[in-house]
Structures are given as C-alpha cells and as structure tokens.
Full PDB file with SEQRES, HELIX, SHEET, SSBOND, CRYST1, ORIGX, SCALE, CONECT and MASTER records, all heavy atoms in Angstrom:
SEQRES   1 A   34  LEU PHE SER LEU LEU ILE ALA VAL TYR THR VAL THR TYR          
SEQRES   2 A   34  SER GLN GLN ASN LYS ILE TYR ASP LYS ALA LEU GLU GLU          
SEQRES   3 A   34  SER TYR ASP LYS THR TYR SER SER                              
HELIX    1 AA1 PHE A    2  SER A   33  1                                  32    
CRYST1    1.000    1.000    1.000  90.00  90.00  90.00 P 1           1          
ORIGX1      1.000000  0.000000  0.000000        0.00000                         
ORIGX2      0.000000  1.000000  0.000000        0.00000                         
ORIGX3      0.000000  0.000000  1.000000        0.00000                         
SCALE1      1.000000  0.000000  0.000000        0.00000                         
SCALE2      0.000000  1.000000  0.000000        0.00000                         
SCALE3      0.000000  0.000000  1.000000        0.00000                         
ATOM      1  N   LEU A   1     -55.674 -67.421 -83.371  1.00  0.00           N  
ATOM      2  CA  LEU A   1     -54.414 -66.886 -83.886  1.00  0.00           C  
ATOM      3  C   LEU A   1     -53.259 -67.206 -82.950  1.00  0.00           C  
ATOM      4  O   LEU A   1     -52.201 -67.659 -83.398  1.00  0.00           O  
ATOM      5  CB  LEU A   1     -54.511 -65.378 -84.086  1.00  0.00           C  
ATOM      6  CG  LEU A   1     -53.234 -64.705 -84.579  1.00  0.00           C  
ATOM      7  CD1 LEU A   1     -52.910 -65.130 -85.996  1.00  0.00           C  
ATOM      8  CD2 LEU A   1     -53.356 -63.209 -84.493  1.00  0.00           C  
ATOM      9  N   PHE A   2     -53.452 -67.008 -81.666  1.00  0.00           N  
ATOM     10  CA  PHE A   2     -52.353 -67.255 -80.752  1.00  0.00           C  
ATOM     11  C   PHE A   2     -52.073 -68.743 -80.555  1.00  0.00           C  
ATOM     12  O   PHE A   2     -50.929 -69.129 -80.338  1.00  0.00           O  
ATOM     13  CB  PHE A   2     -52.576 -66.532 -79.425  1.00  0.00           C  
ATOM     14  CG  PHE A   2     -52.344 -65.064 -79.558  1.00  0.00           C  
ATOM     15  CD1 PHE A   2     -53.378 -64.161 -79.435  1.00  0.00           C  
ATOM     16  CD2 PHE A   2     -51.082 -64.568 -79.841  1.00  0.00           C  
ATOM     17  CE1 PHE A   2     -53.169 -62.803 -79.583  1.00  0.00           C  
ATOM     18  CE2 PHE A   2     -50.847 -63.212 -79.991  1.00  0.00           C  
ATOM     19  CZ  PHE A   2     -51.906 -62.332 -79.863  1.00  0.00           C  
ATOM     20  N   SER A   3     -53.075 -69.601 -80.691  1.00  0.00           N  
ATOM     21  CA  SER A   3     -52.790 -71.040 -80.656  1.00  0.00           C  
ATOM     22  C   SER A   3     -52.039 -71.462 -81.911  1.00  0.00           C  
ATOM     23  O   SER A   3     -51.138 -72.308 -81.851  1.00  0.00           O  
ATOM     24  CB  SER A   3     -54.078 -71.842 -80.501  1.00  0.00           C  
ATOM     25  OG  SER A   3     -54.905 -71.674 -81.627  1.00  0.00           O  
ATOM     26  N   LEU A   4     -52.369 -70.857 -83.050  1.00  0.00           N  
ATOM     27  CA  LEU A   4     -51.624 -71.125 -84.281  1.00  0.00           C  
ATOM     28  C   LEU A   4     -50.189 -70.626 -84.167  1.00  0.00           C  
ATOM     29  O   LEU A   4     -49.248 -71.313 -84.594  1.00  0.00           O  
ATOM     30  CB  LEU A   4     -52.326 -70.460 -85.462  1.00  0.00           C  
ATOM     31  CG  LEU A   4     -51.712 -70.666 -86.833  1.00  0.00           C  
ATOM     32  CD1 LEU A   4     -51.786 -72.126 -87.230  1.00  0.00           C  
ATOM     33  CD2 LEU A   4     -52.414 -69.801 -87.850  1.00  0.00           C  
ATOM     34  N   LEU A   5     -50.009 -69.462 -83.577  1.00  0.00           N  
ATOM     35  CA  LEU A   5     -48.659 -68.939 -83.363  1.00  0.00           C  
ATOM     36  C   LEU A   5     -47.824 -69.875 -82.498  1.00  0.00           C  
ATOM     37  O   LEU A   5     -46.670 -70.175 -82.817  1.00  0.00           O  
ATOM     38  CB  LEU A   5     -48.717 -67.571 -82.682  1.00  0.00           C  
ATOM     39  CG  LEU A   5     -48.966 -66.360 -83.544  1.00  0.00           C  
ATOM     40  CD1 LEU A   5     -49.175 -65.136 -82.672  1.00  0.00           C  
ATOM     41  CD2 LEU A   5     -47.813 -66.134 -84.475  1.00  0.00           C  
ATOM     42  N   ILE A   6     -48.410 -70.348 -81.422  1.00  0.00           N  
ATOM     43  CA  ILE A   6     -47.681 -71.258 -80.528  1.00  0.00           C  
ATOM     44  C   ILE A   6     -47.328 -72.549 -81.248  1.00  0.00           C  
ATOM     45  O   ILE A   6     -46.206 -73.054 -81.131  1.00  0.00           O  
ATOM     46  CB  ILE A   6     -48.510 -71.526 -79.256  1.00  0.00           C  
ATOM     47  CG1 ILE A   6     -48.570 -70.256 -78.406  1.00  0.00           C  
ATOM     48  CG2 ILE A   6     -47.918 -72.675 -78.447  1.00  0.00           C  
ATOM     49  CD1 ILE A   6     -49.558 -70.334 -77.259  1.00  0.00           C  
ATOM     50  N   ALA A   7     -48.255 -73.089 -82.024  1.00  0.00           N  
ATOM     51  CA  ALA A   7     -47.992 -74.336 -82.748  1.00  0.00           C  
ATOM     52  C   ALA A   7     -46.892 -74.156 -83.793  1.00  0.00           C  
ATOM     53  O   ALA A   7     -45.979 -74.990 -83.900  1.00  0.00           O  
ATOM     54  CB  ALA A   7     -49.275 -74.826 -83.414  1.00  0.00           C  
ATOM     55  N   VAL A   8     -46.967 -73.083 -84.552  1.00  0.00           N  
ATOM     56  CA  VAL A   8     -45.961 -72.852 -85.595  1.00  0.00           C  
ATOM     57  C   VAL A   8     -44.599 -72.585 -84.973  1.00  0.00           C  
ATOM     58  O   VAL A   8     -43.584 -73.124 -85.434  1.00  0.00           O  
ATOM     59  CB  VAL A   8     -46.397 -71.694 -86.517  1.00  0.00           C  
ATOM     60  CG1 VAL A   8     -45.262 -71.234 -87.405  1.00  0.00           C  
ATOM     61  CG2 VAL A   8     -47.576 -72.121 -87.364  1.00  0.00           C  
ATOM     62  N   TYR A   9     -44.543 -71.775 -83.929  1.00  0.00           N  
ATOM     63  CA  TYR A   9     -43.264 -71.511 -83.277  1.00  0.00           C  
ATOM     64  C   TYR A   9     -42.687 -72.772 -82.639  1.00  0.00           C  
ATOM     65  O   TYR A   9     -41.470 -72.947 -82.624  1.00  0.00           O  
ATOM     66  CB  TYR A   9     -43.396 -70.410 -82.225  1.00  0.00           C  
ATOM     67  CG  TYR A   9     -43.433 -69.020 -82.812  1.00  0.00           C  
ATOM     68  CD1 TYR A   9     -44.234 -68.036 -82.275  1.00  0.00           C  
ATOM     69  CD2 TYR A   9     -42.660 -68.682 -83.904  1.00  0.00           C  
ATOM     70  CE1 TYR A   9     -44.273 -66.764 -82.810  1.00  0.00           C  
ATOM     71  CE2 TYR A   9     -42.682 -67.419 -84.451  1.00  0.00           C  
ATOM     72  CZ  TYR A   9     -43.500 -66.456 -83.895  1.00  0.00           C  
ATOM     73  OH  TYR A   9     -43.527 -65.199 -84.419  1.00  0.00           O  
ATOM     74  N   THR A  10     -43.524 -73.646 -82.132  1.00  0.00           N  
ATOM     75  CA  THR A  10     -43.035 -74.888 -81.551  1.00  0.00           C  
ATOM     76  C   THR A  10     -42.341 -75.744 -82.603  1.00  0.00           C  
ATOM     77  O   THR A  10     -41.262 -76.287 -82.367  1.00  0.00           O  
ATOM     78  CB  THR A  10     -44.200 -75.672 -80.920  1.00  0.00           C  
ATOM     79  OG1 THR A  10     -44.811 -74.868 -79.916  1.00  0.00           O  
ATOM     80  CG2 THR A  10     -43.722 -76.968 -80.312  1.00  0.00           C  
ATOM     81  N   VAL A  11     -42.945 -75.843 -83.760  1.00  0.00           N  
ATOM     82  CA  VAL A  11     -42.368 -76.665 -84.823  1.00  0.00           C  
ATOM     83  C   VAL A  11     -41.123 -76.012 -85.415  1.00  0.00           C  
ATOM     84  O   VAL A  11     -40.085 -76.658 -85.572  1.00  0.00           O  
ATOM     85  CB  VAL A  11     -43.420 -76.927 -85.921  1.00  0.00           C  
ATOM     86  CG1 VAL A  11     -42.802 -77.607 -87.125  1.00  0.00           C  
ATOM     87  CG2 VAL A  11     -44.564 -77.751 -85.368  1.00  0.00           C  
ATOM     88  N   THR A  12     -41.209 -74.731 -85.739  1.00  0.00           N  
ATOM     89  CA  THR A  12     -40.083 -74.085 -86.416  1.00  0.00           C  
ATOM     90  C   THR A  12     -38.896 -73.874 -85.479  1.00  0.00           C  
ATOM     91  O   THR A  12     -37.746 -74.020 -85.903  1.00  0.00           O  
ATOM     92  CB  THR A  12     -40.508 -72.734 -87.018  1.00  0.00           C  
ATOM     93  OG1 THR A  12     -41.010 -71.889 -85.992  1.00  0.00           O  
ATOM     94  CG2 THR A  12     -41.540 -72.927 -88.096  1.00  0.00           C  
ATOM     95  N   TYR A  13     -39.145 -73.556 -84.227  1.00  0.00           N  
ATOM     96  CA  TYR A  13     -38.047 -73.342 -83.284  1.00  0.00           C  
ATOM     97  C   TYR A  13     -37.271 -74.638 -83.053  1.00  0.00           C  
ATOM     98  O   TYR A  13     -36.037 -74.629 -83.060  1.00  0.00           O  
ATOM     99  CB  TYR A  13     -38.593 -72.804 -81.965  1.00  0.00           C  
ATOM    100  CG  TYR A  13     -37.546 -72.427 -80.964  1.00  0.00           C  
ATOM    101  CD1 TYR A  13     -36.799 -71.276 -81.122  1.00  0.00           C  
ATOM    102  CD2 TYR A  13     -37.290 -73.230 -79.858  1.00  0.00           C  
ATOM    103  CE1 TYR A  13     -35.822 -70.921 -80.204  1.00  0.00           C  
ATOM    104  CE2 TYR A  13     -36.322 -72.892 -78.940  1.00  0.00           C  
ATOM    105  CZ  TYR A  13     -35.603 -71.739 -79.111  1.00  0.00           C  
ATOM    106  OH  TYR A  13     -34.625 -71.398 -78.195  1.00  0.00           O  
ATOM    107  N   SER A  14     -37.985 -75.739 -82.897  1.00  0.00           N  
ATOM    108  CA  SER A  14     -37.285 -77.009 -82.688  1.00  0.00           C  
ATOM    109  C   SER A  14     -36.526 -77.433 -83.943  1.00  0.00           C  
ATOM    110  O   SER A  14     -35.430 -77.987 -83.851  1.00  0.00           O  
ATOM    111  CB  SER A  14     -38.262 -78.099 -82.261  1.00  0.00           C  
ATOM    112  OG  SER A  14     -39.178 -78.363 -83.297  1.00  0.00           O  
ATOM    113  N   GLN A  15     -37.083 -77.145 -85.117  1.00  0.00           N  
ATOM    114  CA  GLN A  15     -36.394 -77.479 -86.361  1.00  0.00           C  
ATOM    115  C   GLN A  15     -35.119 -76.651 -86.516  1.00  0.00           C  
ATOM    116  O   GLN A  15     -34.077 -77.179 -86.908  1.00  0.00           O  
ATOM    117  CB  GLN A  15     -37.324 -77.247 -87.561  1.00  0.00           C  
ATOM    118  CG  GLN A  15     -36.748 -77.673 -88.876  1.00  0.00           C  
ATOM    119  CD  GLN A  15     -36.557 -79.168 -88.985  1.00  0.00           C  
ATOM    120  OE1 GLN A  15     -37.272 -79.934 -88.375  1.00  0.00           O  
ATOM    121  NE2 GLN A  15     -35.571 -79.565 -89.750  1.00  0.00           N  
ATOM    122  N   GLN A  16     -35.186 -75.382 -86.191  1.00  0.00           N  
ATOM    123  CA  GLN A  16     -33.991 -74.542 -86.268  1.00  0.00           C  
ATOM    124  C   GLN A  16     -32.931 -74.993 -85.263  1.00  0.00           C  
ATOM    125  O   GLN A  16     -31.738 -74.991 -85.580  1.00  0.00           O  
ATOM    126  CB  GLN A  16     -34.348 -73.078 -86.024  1.00  0.00           C  
ATOM    127  CG  GLN A  16     -35.033 -72.432 -87.170  1.00  0.00           C  
ATOM    128  CD  GLN A  16     -35.413 -70.979 -86.891  1.00  0.00           C  
ATOM    129  OE1 GLN A  16     -35.534 -70.578 -85.739  1.00  0.00           O  
ATOM    130  NE2 GLN A  16     -35.585 -70.208 -87.937  1.00  0.00           N  
ATOM    131  N   ASN A  17     -33.356 -75.396 -84.083  1.00  0.00           N  
ATOM    132  CA  ASN A  17     -32.399 -75.885 -83.085  1.00  0.00           C  
ATOM    133  C   ASN A  17     -31.741 -77.183 -83.533  1.00  0.00           C  
ATOM    134  O   ASN A  17     -30.554 -77.397 -83.280  1.00  0.00           O  
ATOM    135  CB  ASN A  17     -33.076 -76.078 -81.734  1.00  0.00           C  
ATOM    136  CG  ASN A  17     -33.240 -74.773 -80.998  1.00  0.00           C  
ATOM    137  OD1 ASN A  17     -32.586 -73.791 -81.315  1.00  0.00           O  
ATOM    138  ND2 ASN A  17     -34.108 -74.767 -80.014  1.00  0.00           N  
ATOM    139  N   LYS A  18     -32.494 -78.068 -84.175  1.00  0.00           N  
ATOM    140  CA  LYS A  18     -31.909 -79.313 -84.685  1.00  0.00           C  
ATOM    141  C   LYS A  18     -30.843 -79.020 -85.734  1.00  0.00           C  
ATOM    142  O   LYS A  18     -29.766 -79.627 -85.733  1.00  0.00           O  
ATOM    143  CB  LYS A  18     -32.990 -80.204 -85.289  1.00  0.00           C  
ATOM    144  CG  LYS A  18     -33.865 -80.893 -84.287  1.00  0.00           C  
ATOM    145  CD  LYS A  18     -34.916 -81.731 -84.977  1.00  0.00           C  
ATOM    146  CE  LYS A  18     -35.925 -82.269 -83.991  1.00  0.00           C  
ATOM    147  NZ  LYS A  18     -37.000 -83.011 -84.664  1.00  0.00           N  
ATOM    148  N   ILE A  19     -31.133 -78.102 -86.638  1.00  0.00           N  
ATOM    149  CA  ILE A  19     -30.167 -77.746 -87.677  1.00  0.00           C  
ATOM    150  C   ILE A  19     -28.929 -77.116 -87.046  1.00  0.00           C  
ATOM    151  O   ILE A  19     -27.786 -77.438 -87.407  1.00  0.00           O  
ATOM    152  CB  ILE A  19     -30.820 -76.805 -88.713  1.00  0.00           C  
ATOM    153  CG1 ILE A  19     -31.906 -77.550 -89.491  1.00  0.00           C  
ATOM    154  CG2 ILE A  19     -29.775 -76.238 -89.670  1.00  0.00           C  
ATOM    155  CD1 ILE A  19     -32.773 -76.662 -90.350  1.00  0.00           C  
ATOM    156  N   TYR A  20     -29.128 -76.225 -86.094  1.00  0.00           N  
ATOM    157  CA  TYR A  20     -28.011 -75.568 -85.414  1.00  0.00           C  
ATOM    158  C   TYR A  20     -27.163 -76.590 -84.656  1.00  0.00           C  
ATOM    159  O   TYR A  20     -25.931 -76.575 -84.752  1.00  0.00           O  
ATOM    160  CB  TYR A  20     -28.533 -74.499 -84.459  1.00  0.00           C  
ATOM    161  CG  TYR A  20     -27.452 -73.770 -83.711  1.00  0.00           C  
ATOM    162  CD1 TYR A  20     -26.767 -72.722 -84.295  1.00  0.00           C  
ATOM    163  CD2 TYR A  20     -27.105 -74.147 -82.416  1.00  0.00           C  
ATOM    164  CE1 TYR A  20     -25.769 -72.056 -83.616  1.00  0.00           C  
ATOM    165  CE2 TYR A  20     -26.101 -73.496 -81.737  1.00  0.00           C  
ATOM    166  CZ  TYR A  20     -25.443 -72.447 -82.334  1.00  0.00           C  
ATOM    167  OH  TYR A  20     -24.447 -71.810 -81.654  1.00  0.00           O  
ATOM    168  N   ASP A  21     -27.804 -77.477 -83.900  1.00  0.00           N  
ATOM    169  CA  ASP A  21     -27.065 -78.475 -83.126  1.00  0.00           C  
ATOM    170  C   ASP A  21     -26.294 -79.429 -84.022  1.00  0.00           C  
ATOM    171  O   ASP A  21     -25.167 -79.814 -83.708  1.00  0.00           O  
ATOM    172  CB  ASP A  21     -28.018 -79.258 -82.221  1.00  0.00           C  
ATOM    173  CG  ASP A  21     -28.567 -78.416 -81.089  1.00  0.00           C  
ATOM    174  OD1 ASP A  21     -27.976 -77.350 -80.794  1.00  0.00           O  
ATOM    175  OD2 ASP A  21     -29.608 -78.808 -80.510  1.00  0.00           O  
ATOM    176  N   LYS A  22     -26.895 -79.809 -85.138  1.00  0.00           N  
ATOM    177  CA  LYS A  22     -26.224 -80.706 -86.082  1.00  0.00           C  
ATOM    178  C   LYS A  22     -24.982 -80.033 -86.663  1.00  0.00           C  
ATOM    179  O   LYS A  22     -23.920 -80.648 -86.764  1.00  0.00           O  
ATOM    180  CB  LYS A  22     -27.195 -81.094 -87.197  1.00  0.00           C  
ATOM    181  CG  LYS A  22     -26.657 -82.060 -88.190  1.00  0.00           C  
ATOM    182  CD  LYS A  22     -27.729 -82.398 -89.223  1.00  0.00           C  
ATOM    183  CE  LYS A  22     -27.175 -83.233 -90.344  1.00  0.00           C  
ATOM    184  NZ  LYS A  22     -28.187 -83.461 -91.384  1.00  0.00           N  
ATOM    185  N   ALA A  23     -25.087 -78.765 -87.022  1.00  0.00           N  
ATOM    186  CA  ALA A  23     -23.943 -78.023 -87.556  1.00  0.00           C  
ATOM    187  C   ALA A  23     -22.879 -77.813 -86.486  1.00  0.00           C  
ATOM    188  O   ALA A  23     -21.674 -77.896 -86.768  1.00  0.00           O  
ATOM    189  CB  ALA A  23     -24.407 -76.685 -88.113  1.00  0.00           C  
ATOM    190  N   LEU A  24     -23.304 -77.545 -85.271  1.00  0.00           N  
ATOM    191  CA  LEU A  24     -22.357 -77.358 -84.173  1.00  0.00           C  
ATOM    192  C   LEU A  24     -21.591 -78.645 -83.901  1.00  0.00           C  
ATOM    193  O   LEU A  24     -20.367 -78.632 -83.718  1.00  0.00           O  
ATOM    194  CB  LEU A  24     -23.112 -76.906 -82.925  1.00  0.00           C  
ATOM    195  CG  LEU A  24     -22.304 -76.367 -81.769  1.00  0.00           C  
ATOM    196  CD1 LEU A  24     -21.525 -75.133 -82.194  1.00  0.00           C  
ATOM    197  CD2 LEU A  24     -23.221 -76.027 -80.619  1.00  0.00           C  
ATOM    198  N   GLU A  25     -22.293 -79.759 -83.913  1.00  0.00           N  
ATOM    199  CA  GLU A  25     -21.639 -81.051 -83.695  1.00  0.00           C  
ATOM    200  C   GLU A  25     -20.653 -81.353 -84.818  1.00  0.00           C  
ATOM    201  O   GLU A  25     -19.541 -81.822 -84.562  1.00  0.00           O  
ATOM    202  CB  GLU A  25     -22.704 -82.148 -83.617  1.00  0.00           C  
ATOM    203  CG  GLU A  25     -22.173 -83.525 -83.345  1.00  0.00           C  
ATOM    204  CD  GLU A  25     -23.293 -84.533 -83.262  1.00  0.00           C  
ATOM    205  OE1 GLU A  25     -24.316 -84.251 -82.612  1.00  0.00           O  
ATOM    206  OE2 GLU A  25     -23.144 -85.609 -83.865  1.00  0.00           O  
ATOM    207  N   GLU A  26     -21.045 -81.059 -86.045  1.00  0.00           N  
ATOM    208  CA  GLU A  26     -20.155 -81.310 -87.174  1.00  0.00           C  
ATOM    209  C   GLU A  26     -18.923 -80.404 -87.123  1.00  0.00           C  
ATOM    210  O   GLU A  26     -17.817 -80.842 -87.445  1.00  0.00           O  
ATOM    211  CB  GLU A  26     -20.908 -81.101 -88.487  1.00  0.00           C  
ATOM    212  CG  GLU A  26     -20.137 -81.561 -89.695  1.00  0.00           C  
ATOM    213  CD  GLU A  26     -20.973 -81.544 -90.954  1.00  0.00           C  
ATOM    214  OE1 GLU A  26     -22.189 -81.786 -90.869  1.00  0.00           O  
ATOM    215  OE2 GLU A  26     -20.375 -81.283 -92.014  1.00  0.00           O  
ATOM    216  N   SER A  27     -19.110 -79.170 -86.691  1.00  0.00           N  
ATOM    217  CA  SER A  27     -17.960 -78.262 -86.589  1.00  0.00           C  
ATOM    218  C   SER A  27     -17.004 -78.725 -85.495  1.00  0.00           C  
ATOM    219  O   SER A  27     -15.783 -78.658 -85.668  1.00  0.00           O  
ATOM    220  CB  SER A  27     -18.418 -76.835 -86.320  1.00  0.00           C  
ATOM    221  OG  SER A  27     -18.883 -76.675 -85.003  1.00  0.00           O  
ATOM    222  N   TYR A  28     -17.552 -79.221 -84.387  1.00  0.00           N  
ATOM    223  CA  TYR A  28     -16.684 -79.748 -83.331  1.00  0.00           C  
ATOM    224  C   TYR A  28     -15.948 -80.987 -83.813  1.00  0.00           C  
ATOM    225  O   TYR A  28     -14.762 -81.165 -83.528  1.00  0.00           O  
ATOM    226  CB  TYR A  28     -17.493 -80.080 -82.082  1.00  0.00           C  
ATOM    227  CG  TYR A  28     -17.906 -78.879 -81.268  1.00  0.00           C  
ATOM    228  CD1 TYR A  28     -19.043 -78.926 -80.476  1.00  0.00           C  
ATOM    229  CD2 TYR A  28     -17.177 -77.709 -81.270  1.00  0.00           C  
ATOM    230  CE1 TYR A  28     -19.441 -77.830 -79.724  1.00  0.00           C  
ATOM    231  CE2 TYR A  28     -17.562 -76.605 -80.520  1.00  0.00           C  
ATOM    232  CZ  TYR A  28     -18.693 -76.684 -79.747  1.00  0.00           C  
ATOM    233  OH  TYR A  28     -19.075 -75.601 -79.007  1.00  0.00           O  
ATOM    234  N   ASP A  29     -16.642 -81.861 -84.541  1.00  0.00           N  
ATOM    235  CA  ASP A  29     -15.997 -83.074 -85.055  1.00  0.00           C  
ATOM    236  C   ASP A  29     -14.854 -82.724 -85.999  1.00  0.00           C  
ATOM    237  O   ASP A  29     -13.763 -83.299 -85.915  1.00  0.00           O  
ATOM    238  CB  ASP A  29     -17.019 -83.958 -85.779  1.00  0.00           C  
ATOM    239  CG  ASP A  29     -18.001 -84.624 -84.823  1.00  0.00           C  
ATOM    240  OD1 ASP A  29     -17.726 -84.635 -83.601  1.00  0.00           O  
ATOM    241  OD2 ASP A  29     -19.046 -85.117 -85.298  1.00  0.00           O  
ATOM    242  N   LYS A  30     -15.081 -81.784 -86.896  1.00  0.00           N  
ATOM    243  CA  LYS A  30     -14.029 -81.405 -87.848  1.00  0.00           C  
ATOM    244  C   LYS A  30     -12.894 -80.672 -87.154  1.00  0.00           C  
ATOM    245  O   LYS A  30     -11.735 -80.841 -87.511  1.00  0.00           O  
ATOM    246  CB  LYS A  30     -14.617 -80.557 -88.969  1.00  0.00           C  
ATOM    247  CG  LYS A  30     -15.436 -81.367 -89.926  1.00  0.00           C  
ATOM    248  CD  LYS A  30     -15.868 -80.565 -91.117  1.00  0.00           C  
ATOM    249  CE  LYS A  30     -16.686 -81.457 -92.049  1.00  0.00           C  
ATOM    250  NZ  LYS A  30     -17.123 -80.736 -93.241  1.00  0.00           N  
ATOM    251  N   THR A  31     -13.208 -79.866 -86.152  1.00  0.00           N  
ATOM    252  CA  THR A  31     -12.180 -79.111 -85.458  1.00  0.00           C  
ATOM    253  C   THR A  31     -11.279 -80.039 -84.644  1.00  0.00           C  
ATOM    254  O   THR A  31     -10.050 -79.947 -84.707  1.00  0.00           O  
ATOM    255  CB  THR A  31     -12.810 -78.061 -84.513  1.00  0.00           C  
ATOM    256  OG1 THR A  31     -13.632 -77.194 -85.284  1.00  0.00           O  
ATOM    257  CG2 THR A  31     -11.742 -77.263 -83.804  1.00  0.00           C  
ATOM    258  N   TYR A  32     -11.885 -80.923 -83.885  1.00  0.00           N  
ATOM    259  CA  TYR A  32     -11.104 -81.797 -83.011  1.00  0.00           C  
ATOM    260  C   TYR A  32     -10.503 -82.978 -83.743  1.00  0.00           C  
ATOM    261  O   TYR A  32      -9.457 -83.487 -83.325  1.00  0.00           O  
ATOM    262  CB  TYR A  32     -11.948 -82.273 -81.833  1.00  0.00           C  
ATOM    263  CG  TYR A  32     -12.319 -81.134 -80.903  1.00  0.00           C  
ATOM    264  CD1 TYR A  32     -13.629 -80.837 -80.613  1.00  0.00           C  
ATOM    265  CD2 TYR A  32     -11.319 -80.332 -80.356  1.00  0.00           C  
ATOM    266  CE1 TYR A  32     -13.962 -79.774 -79.775  1.00  0.00           C  
ATOM    267  CE2 TYR A  32     -11.637 -79.271 -79.519  1.00  0.00           C  
ATOM    268  CZ  TYR A  32     -12.958 -79.003 -79.237  1.00  0.00           C  
ATOM    269  OH  TYR A  32     -13.264 -77.952 -78.419  1.00  0.00           O  
ATOM    270  N   SER A  33     -11.101 -83.433 -84.822  1.00  0.00           N  
ATOM    271  CA  SER A  33     -10.489 -84.541 -85.571  1.00  0.00           C  
ATOM    272  C   SER A  33      -9.292 -84.048 -86.379  1.00  0.00           C  
ATOM    273  O   SER A  33      -8.368 -84.800 -86.651  1.00  0.00           O  
ATOM    274  CB  SER A  33     -11.513 -85.199 -86.500  1.00  0.00           C  
ATOM    275  OG  SER A  33     -11.914 -84.286 -87.500  1.00  0.00           O  
ATOM    276  N   SER A  34      -9.262 -82.769 -86.763  1.00  0.00           N  
ATOM    277  CA  SER A  34      -8.124 -82.235 -87.505  1.00  0.00           C  
ATOM    278  C   SER A  34      -6.926 -81.990 -86.602  1.00  0.00           C  
ATOM    279  O   SER A  34      -5.805 -81.932 -87.072  1.00  0.00           O  
ATOM    280  CB  SER A  34      -8.516 -80.952 -88.228  1.00  0.00           C  
ATOM    281  OG  SER A  34      -8.833 -79.947 -87.282  1.00  0.00           O  
TER     282      SER A  34                                                      
MASTER        0    0    0    1    0    0    0    6  281    1    0    3          
END                                                                             
C-alpha cells in the first residue's frame, strides 16, 4: 500500500506541478507582453 501511495503521489504531484508551472508561465507572458 505504501509503495503504491508513493508511486501514485510521484506521478500525480509532478503532473500537477507541470500544469501549475505552465499556467504560471502563460500568466507571466500575458502580463508582461501586455
């Protein structure tokens, strides 16, 4: 169970960070380009 927890959290946490970073980069691009 705990190895499954670590594996799932590894995948989902990195996926959430990618989505967050992509949105943050896009918000900075729109803010500074405007």
